[in-house]
Amino acid sequence: MSSQLVKLSRIAGWIAISLGLVHSANTWFVIGDVASFSAVWRGIILFMYVAAGLGCLLAGGGMLLSTAISIQKTKAAHHIYLISATFMLLLGIGAPIAMRNNPFGYISLAVGVFAVAVALLRYRHSVISPG
């Protein structure tokens, strides 16, 4: 895999991790906002909020794992990256649908599209020059 694809893969991974860290850290501020909801809705909202942040962290971690020098030229690394990028894209598609006024939803969509584009480039590069 070319060094440029490794760099793009790492960029996508770090952006996803950054988004997940910001989202997870912001949970403390959201707790006060959801206090006015009923206990059931409060639990659902907080669970989904934390799950979305952890999902971004997981996707970014998978993308970064796939760039590790020891495995980056294996098929498994490409599969890990593709699964992580697809997961980030699914988070990104759902976020603007669920939260139209939240700019982080659109940012996660852009990150997901970017990550999947890199995954397709990785796949194309591995087909052209295997190994």
C-alpha atoms as a PDB file:
ATOM      1  CA  MET A   1       0.000   0.000   0.000  1.00  0.00           C
ATOM      2  CA  SER A   2       1.355   3.407  -0.905  1.00  0.00           C
ATOM      3  CA  SER A   3       2.483   5.809   1.787  1.00  0.00           C
ATOM      4  CA  GLN A   4      -0.132   8.289   0.573  1.00  0.00           C
ATOM      5  CA  LEU A   5      -2.948   5.791   1.234  1.00  0.00           C
ATOM      6  CA  VAL A   6      -1.519   5.050   4.670  1.00  0.00           C
ATOM      7  CA  LYS A   7      -1.463   8.780   5.396  1.00  0.00           C
ATOM      8  CA  LEU A   8      -5.058   9.245   4.190  1.00  0.00           C
ATOM      9  CA  SER A   9      -6.154   6.231   6.246  1.00  0.00           C
ATOM     10  CA  ARG A  10      -4.505   7.666   9.343  1.00  0.00           C
ATOM     11  CA  ILE A  11      -6.063  11.081   8.738  1.00  0.00           C
ATOM     12  CA  ALA A  12      -9.538   9.520   8.522  1.00  0.00           C
ATOM     13  CA  GLY A  13      -8.857   7.482  11.656  1.00  0.00           C
ATOM     14  CA  TRP A  14      -7.618  10.443  13.682  1.00  0.00           C
ATOM     15  CA  ILE A  15     -10.535  12.607  12.582  1.00  0.00           C
ATOM     16  CA  ALA A  16     -12.988   9.888  13.656  1.00  0.00           C
ATOM     17  CA  ILE A  17     -11.193   9.481  16.994  1.00  0.00           C
ATOM     18  CA  SER A  18     -11.192  13.261  17.528  1.00  0.00           C
ATOM     19  CA  LEU A  19     -14.900  13.419  16.773  1.00  0.00           C
ATOM     20  CA  GLY A  20     -15.519  10.566  19.214  1.00  0.00           C
ATOM     21  CA  LEU A  21     -13.447  12.238  21.938  1.00  0.00           C
ATOM     22  CA  VAL A  22     -15.255  15.554  21.519  1.00  0.00           C
ATOM     23  CA  HIS A  23     -18.611  13.788  21.489  1.00  0.00           C
ATOM     24  CA  SER A  24     -17.785  11.708  24.567  1.00  0.00           C
ATOM     25  CA  ALA A  25     -16.351  14.666  26.492  1.00  0.00           C
ATOM     26  CA  ASN A  26     -19.427  16.736  25.656  1.00  0.00           C
ATOM     27  CA  THR A  27     -21.623  14.182  27.432  1.00  0.00           C
ATOM     28  CA  TRP A  28     -21.059  16.056  30.703  1.00  0.00           C
ATOM     29  CA  PHE A  29     -22.654  19.160  29.211  1.00  0.00           C
ATOM     30  CA  VAL A  30     -25.581  17.242  27.702  1.00  0.00           C
ATOM     31  CA  ILE A  31     -26.524  15.721  31.066  1.00  0.00           C
ATOM     32  CA  GLY A  32     -27.862  19.084  32.231  1.00  0.00           C
ATOM     33  CA  ASP A  33     -29.845  19.584  29.037  1.00  0.00           C
ATOM     34  CA  VAL A  34     -31.668  16.264  29.278  1.00  0.00           C
ATOM     35  CA  ALA A  35     -32.531  16.627  32.961  1.00  0.00           C
ATOM     36  CA  SER A  36     -35.953  18.009  32.016  1.00  0.00           C
ATOM     37  CA  PHE A  37     -36.937  14.802  30.190  1.00  0.00           C
ATOM     38  CA  SER A  38     -38.635  11.847  31.856  1.00  0.00           C
ATOM     39  CA  ALA A  39     -36.363   9.158  33.311  1.00  0.00           C
ATOM     40  CA  VAL A  40     -36.981   6.820  30.365  1.00  0.00           C
ATOM     41  CA  TRP A  41     -36.113   9.431  27.739  1.00  0.00           C
ATOM     42  CA  ARG A  42     -33.164  10.678  29.781  1.00  0.00           C
ATOM     43  CA  GLY A  43     -31.694   7.189  29.816  1.00  0.00           C
ATOM     44  CA  ILE A  44     -32.302   6.645  26.110  1.00  0.00           C
ATOM     45  CA  ILE A  45     -30.809   9.984  25.091  1.00  0.00           C
ATOM     46  CA  LEU A  46     -27.726   9.601  27.268  1.00  0.00           C
ATOM     47  CA  PHE A  47     -27.178   6.013  26.144  1.00  0.00           C
ATOM     48  CA  MET A  48     -27.405   6.978  22.482  1.00  0.00           C
ATOM     49  CA  TYR A  49     -25.169   9.997  23.028  1.00  0.00           C
ATOM     50  CA  VAL A  50     -22.470   7.934  24.722  1.00  0.00           C
ATOM     51  CA  ALA A  51     -22.866   5.117  22.173  1.00  0.00           C
ATOM     52  CA  ALA A  52     -22.377   7.528  19.267  1.00  0.00           C
ATOM     53  CA  GLY A  53     -19.183   8.895  20.804  1.00  0.00           C
ATOM     54  CA  LEU A  54     -17.843   5.429  21.510  1.00  0.00           C
ATOM     55  CA  GLY A  55     -18.833   4.325  17.998  1.00  0.00           C
ATOM     56  CA  CYS A  56     -16.711   7.091  16.477  1.00  0.00           C
ATOM     57  CA  LEU A  57     -13.827   6.084  18.737  1.00  0.00           C
ATOM     58  CA  LEU A  58     -14.204   2.437  17.704  1.00  0.00           C
ATOM     59  CA  ALA A  59     -14.345   3.257  13.996  1.00  0.00           C
ATOM     60  CA  GLY A  60     -11.316   5.535  14.230  1.00  0.00           C
ATOM     61  CA  GLY A  61      -9.423   2.932  16.230  1.00  0.00           C
ATOM     62  CA  GLY A  62     -10.130   0.294  13.588  1.00  0.00           C
ATOM     63  CA  MET A  63      -8.943   2.637  10.853  1.00  0.00           C
ATOM     64  CA  LEU A  64      -5.729   3.355  12.739  1.00  0.00           C
ATOM     65  CA  LEU A  65      -5.227  -0.335  13.530  1.00  0.00           C
ATOM     66  CA  SER A  66      -5.320  -1.098   9.813  1.00  0.00           C
ATOM     67  CA  THR A  67      -2.344   1.218   9.248  1.00  0.00           C
ATOM     68  CA  ALA A  68      -0.058  -0.582  11.696  1.00  0.00           C
ATOM     69  CA  ILE A  69       3.182  -1.440   9.941  1.00  0.00           C
ATOM     70  CA  SER A  70       2.944  -5.118  10.897  1.00  0.00           C
ATOM     71  CA  ILE A  71      -0.438  -5.673   9.190  1.00  0.00           C
ATOM     72  CA  GLN A  72      -1.003  -2.804   6.746  1.00  0.00           C
ATOM     73  CA  LYS A  73      -0.257  -4.924   3.670  1.00  0.00           C
ATOM     74  CA  THR A  74      -2.579  -7.785   4.578  1.00  0.00           C
ATOM     75  CA  LYS A  75      -6.108  -8.401   3.363  1.00  0.00           C
ATOM     76  CA  ALA A  76      -7.286  -8.355   6.969  1.00  0.00           C
ATOM     77  CA  ALA A  77      -6.084  -4.746   7.323  1.00  0.00           C
ATOM     78  CA  HIS A  78      -8.128  -3.735   4.288  1.00  0.00           C
ATOM     79  CA  HIS A  79     -11.182  -5.529   5.680  1.00  0.00           C
ATOM     80  CA  ILE A  80     -10.771  -3.900   9.096  1.00  0.00           C
ATOM     81  CA  TYR A  81     -10.484  -0.495   7.459  1.00  0.00           C
ATOM     82  CA  LEU A  82     -13.486  -1.085   5.189  1.00  0.00           C
ATOM     83  CA  ILE A  83     -15.686  -2.265   8.080  1.00  0.00           C
ATOM     84  CA  SER A  84     -14.617   0.688  10.238  1.00  0.00           C
ATOM     85  CA  ALA A  85     -15.146   3.182   7.408  1.00  0.00           C
ATOM     86  CA  THR A  86     -18.563   1.720   6.602  1.00  0.00           C
ATOM     87  CA  PHE A  87     -19.534   1.917  10.275  1.00  0.00           C
ATOM     88  CA  MET A  88     -18.442   5.573  10.342  1.00  0.00           C
ATOM     89  CA  LEU A  89     -20.480   6.222   7.205  1.00  0.00           C
ATOM     90  CA  LEU A  90     -23.562   4.630   8.787  1.00  0.00           C
ATOM     91  CA  LEU A  91     -23.093   6.810  11.879  1.00  0.00           C
ATOM     92  CA  GLY A  92     -22.676   9.783   9.565  1.00  0.00           C
ATOM     93  CA  ILE A  93     -25.839   9.008   7.618  1.00  0.00           C
ATOM     94  CA  GLY A  94     -27.907   8.589  10.764  1.00  0.00           C
ATOM     95  CA  ALA A  95     -26.600  11.673  12.560  1.00  0.00           C
ATOM     96  CA  PRO A  96     -28.032  14.379  10.239  1.00  0.00           C
ATOM     97  CA  ILE A  97     -31.301  12.449  10.004  1.00  0.00           C
ATOM     98  CA  ALA A  98     -31.629  12.327  13.795  1.00  0.00           C
ATOM     99  CA  MET A  99     -30.206  15.802  14.501  1.00  0.00           C
ATOM    100  CA  ARG A 100     -30.711  18.216  11.617  1.00  0.00           C
ATOM    101  CA  ASN A 101     -29.511  21.250  13.588  1.00  0.00           C
ATOM    102  CA  ASN A 102     -26.314  19.654  14.900  1.00  0.00           C
ATOM    103  CA  PRO A 103     -23.224  20.454  12.799  1.00  0.00           C
ATOM    104  CA  PHE A 104     -21.408  17.414  14.228  1.00  0.00           C
ATOM    105  CA  GLY A 105     -23.897  15.212  12.388  1.00  0.00           C
ATOM    106  CA  TYR A 106     -22.806  16.671   9.076  1.00  0.00           C
ATOM    107  CA  ILE A 107     -19.152  16.484  10.088  1.00  0.00           C
ATOM    108  CA  SER A 108     -19.539  12.780  10.848  1.00  0.00           C
ATOM    109  CA  LEU A 109     -21.220  12.302   7.468  1.00  0.00           C
ATOM    110  CA  ALA A 110     -18.280  14.009   5.741  1.00  0.00           C
ATOM    111  CA  VAL A 111     -15.814  11.864   7.710  1.00  0.00           C
ATOM    112  CA  GLY A 112     -17.738   8.718   6.761  1.00  0.00           C
ATOM    113  CA  VAL A 113     -17.770   9.616   3.072  1.00  0.00           C
ATOM    114  CA  PHE A 114     -14.053  10.458   3.193  1.00  0.00           C
ATOM    115  CA  ALA A 115     -13.227   7.204   5.004  1.00  0.00           C
ATOM    116  CA  VAL A 116     -15.190   5.081   2.525  1.00  0.00           C
ATOM    117  CA  ALA A 117     -13.544   6.889  -0.400  1.00  0.00           C
ATOM    118  CA  VAL A 118     -10.150   6.021   1.098  1.00  0.00           C
ATOM    119  CA  ALA A 119     -11.337   2.420   1.588  1.00  0.00           C
ATOM    120  CA  LEU A 120     -12.245   2.215  -2.097  1.00  0.00           C
ATOM    121  CA  LEU A 121      -8.839   3.616  -3.044  1.00  0.00           C
ATOM    122  CA  ARG A 122      -7.184   1.041  -0.777  1.00  0.00           C
ATOM    123  CA  TYR A 123      -9.184  -1.738  -2.404  1.00  0.00           C
ATOM    124  CA  ARG A 124      -8.355  -0.472  -5.891  1.00  0.00           C
ATOM    125  CA  HIS A 125      -4.682  -0.224  -5.018  1.00  0.00           C
ATOM    126  CA  SER A 126      -4.629  -3.747  -3.543  1.00  0.00           C
ATOM    127  CA  VAL A 127      -6.238  -5.173  -6.702  1.00  0.00           C
ATOM    128  CA  ILE A 128      -3.800  -3.366  -9.003  1.00  0.00           C
ATOM    129  CA  SER A 129      -0.699  -4.191  -6.996  1.00  0.00           C
ATOM    130  CA  PRO A 130      -1.383  -7.061  -4.585  1.00  0.00           C
ATOM    131  CA  GLY A 131       0.887  -7.637  -1.650  1.00  0.00           C
END
